[in-house]
């Protein structure tokens, strides 16, 4: 597995989207690649920080309304 693919599988794994075999190949890759181990560790820490931060996002309806207003203003 190349490092680029390992990074992609690492991201998928965090969101429970990676298959069993992707995880196995990733773990084998992480045994010998210190760069990808560091990426995986940093990625996990960032996700944990974001979860703990309890960030609130704009409701979907408000996003749609804002997007529509922006398009209307841009088309003037």
C-alpha atoms as a PDB file:
ATOM      1  CA  UNK A   1       0.000   0.000   0.000  1.00  0.00           C
ATOM      2  CA  UNK A   2       1.305   3.445  -0.910  1.00  0.00           C
ATOM      3  CA  UNK A   3       1.260   6.244   1.628  1.00  0.00           C
ATOM      4  CA  UNK A   4      -1.378   8.180  -0.315  1.00  0.00           C
ATOM      5  CA  UNK A   5      -3.734   5.207  -0.175  1.00  0.00           C
ATOM      6  CA  UNK A   6      -2.909   4.657   3.500  1.00  0.00           C
ATOM      7  CA  UNK A   7      -3.937   8.229   4.279  1.00  0.00           C
ATOM      8  CA  UNK A   8      -7.198   7.755   2.427  1.00  0.00           C
ATOM      9  CA  UNK A   9      -7.944   4.480   4.238  1.00  0.00           C
ATOM     10  CA  UNK A  10      -7.033   6.121   7.562  1.00  0.00           C
ATOM     11  CA  UNK A  11      -9.630   8.812   6.901  1.00  0.00           C
ATOM     12  CA  UNK A  12     -12.236   6.229   5.869  1.00  0.00           C
ATOM     13  CA  UNK A  13     -11.476   4.149   8.936  1.00  0.00           C
ATOM     14  CA  UNK A  14     -12.163   7.051  11.269  1.00  0.00           C
ATOM     15  CA  UNK A  15     -15.648   7.424   9.822  1.00  0.00           C
ATOM     16  CA  UNK A  16     -16.310   3.653   9.891  1.00  0.00           C
ATOM     17  CA  UNK A  17     -16.259   3.466   6.077  1.00  0.00           C
ATOM     18  CA  UNK A  18     -13.168   1.279   5.580  1.00  0.00           C
ATOM     19  CA  UNK A  19     -13.556  -2.403   4.813  1.00  0.00           C
ATOM     20  CA  UNK A  20     -11.958  -5.104   6.927  1.00  0.00           C
ATOM     21  CA  UNK A  21      -9.225  -5.735   4.338  1.00  0.00           C
ATOM     22  CA  UNK A  22      -8.470  -2.032   3.980  1.00  0.00           C
ATOM     23  CA  UNK A  23      -7.937  -1.861   7.742  1.00  0.00           C
ATOM     24  CA  UNK A  24      -5.694  -4.945   7.670  1.00  0.00           C
ATOM     25  CA  UNK A  25      -3.565  -3.485   4.859  1.00  0.00           C
ATOM     26  CA  UNK A  26      -3.420  -0.124   6.651  1.00  0.00           C
ATOM     27  CA  UNK A  27      -2.215  -1.733   9.882  1.00  0.00           C
ATOM     28  CA  UNK A  28       0.497  -3.625   8.001  1.00  0.00           C
ATOM     29  CA  UNK A  29       1.567  -0.386   6.322  1.00  0.00           C
ATOM     30  CA  UNK A  30       1.644   1.414   9.679  1.00  0.00           C
ATOM     31  CA  UNK A  31       4.068  -1.202  11.042  1.00  0.00           C
ATOM     32  CA  UNK A  32       6.851   0.095   8.797  1.00  0.00           C
ATOM     33  CA  UNK A  33       5.840   3.660   7.872  1.00  0.00           C
ATOM     34  CA  UNK A  34       6.483   6.226  10.596  1.00  0.00           C
ATOM     35  CA  UNK A  35       5.105   9.093   8.494  1.00  0.00           C
ATOM     36  CA  UNK A  36       1.706   7.421   8.141  1.00  0.00           C
ATOM     37  CA  UNK A  37       1.715   6.432  11.830  1.00  0.00           C
ATOM     38  CA  UNK A  38       2.178  10.092  12.711  1.00  0.00           C
ATOM     39  CA  UNK A  39      -0.584  11.122  10.273  1.00  0.00           C
ATOM     40  CA  UNK A  40      -2.930   8.546  11.801  1.00  0.00           C
ATOM     41  CA  UNK A  41      -2.153   9.721  15.323  1.00  0.00           C
ATOM     42  CA  UNK A  42      -2.615  13.396  14.440  1.00  0.00           C
ATOM     43  CA  UNK A  43      -5.826  12.639  12.547  1.00  0.00           C
ATOM     44  CA  UNK A  44      -7.269  10.796  15.551  1.00  0.00           C
ATOM     45  CA  UNK A  45      -6.297  13.635  17.899  1.00  0.00           C
ATOM     46  CA  UNK A  46      -7.902  16.234  15.622  1.00  0.00           C
ATOM     47  CA  UNK A  47     -11.132  14.248  15.425  1.00  0.00           C
ATOM     48  CA  UNK A  48     -11.193  13.861  19.207  1.00  0.00           C
ATOM     49  CA  UNK A  49     -10.694  17.609  19.699  1.00  0.00           C
ATOM     50  CA  UNK A  50     -13.506  18.407  17.281  1.00  0.00           C
ATOM     51  CA  UNK A  51     -15.871  16.005  19.034  1.00  0.00           C
ATOM     52  CA  UNK A  52     -15.054  17.458  22.448  1.00  0.00           C
ATOM     53  CA  UNK A  53     -15.401  21.052  21.213  1.00  0.00           C
ATOM     54  CA  UNK A  54     -19.175  20.588  20.761  1.00  0.00           C
ATOM     55  CA  UNK A  55     -19.253  22.830  17.689  1.00  0.00           C
ATOM     56  CA  UNK A  56     -22.721  23.854  16.569  1.00  0.00           C
ATOM     57  CA  UNK A  57     -23.420  24.186  12.855  1.00  0.00           C
ATOM     58  CA  UNK A  58     -26.018  26.135  10.952  1.00  0.00           C
ATOM     59  CA  UNK A  59     -29.265  24.209  10.360  1.00  0.00           C
ATOM     60  CA  UNK A  60     -29.735  22.927   6.789  1.00  0.00           C
ATOM     61  CA  UNK A  61     -32.751  25.134   6.135  1.00  0.00           C
ATOM     62  CA  UNK A  62     -30.778  28.235   7.104  1.00  0.00           C
ATOM     63  CA  UNK A  63     -27.886  27.131   4.867  1.00  0.00           C
ATOM     64  CA  UNK A  64     -30.234  26.702   1.909  1.00  0.00           C
ATOM     65  CA  UNK A  65     -31.793  30.126   2.505  1.00  0.00           C
ATOM     66  CA  UNK A  66     -28.386  31.786   2.764  1.00  0.00           C
ATOM     67  CA  UNK A  67     -27.154  30.046  -0.388  1.00  0.00           C
ATOM     68  CA  UNK A  68     -30.241  31.205  -2.269  1.00  0.00           C
ATOM     69  CA  UNK A  69     -29.762  34.811  -1.107  1.00  0.00           C
ATOM     70  CA  UNK A  70     -26.122  34.730  -2.188  1.00  0.00           C
ATOM     71  CA  UNK A  71     -27.055  33.442  -5.657  1.00  0.00           C
ATOM     72  CA  UNK A  72     -29.735  36.124  -5.986  1.00  0.00           C
ATOM     73  CA  UNK A  73     -27.260  38.864  -5.072  1.00  0.00           C
ATOM     74  CA  UNK A  74     -24.612  37.500  -7.419  1.00  0.00           C
ATOM     75  CA  UNK A  75     -27.018  37.384 -10.341  1.00  0.00           C
ATOM     76  CA  UNK A  76     -27.913  41.109 -10.047  1.00  0.00           C
END
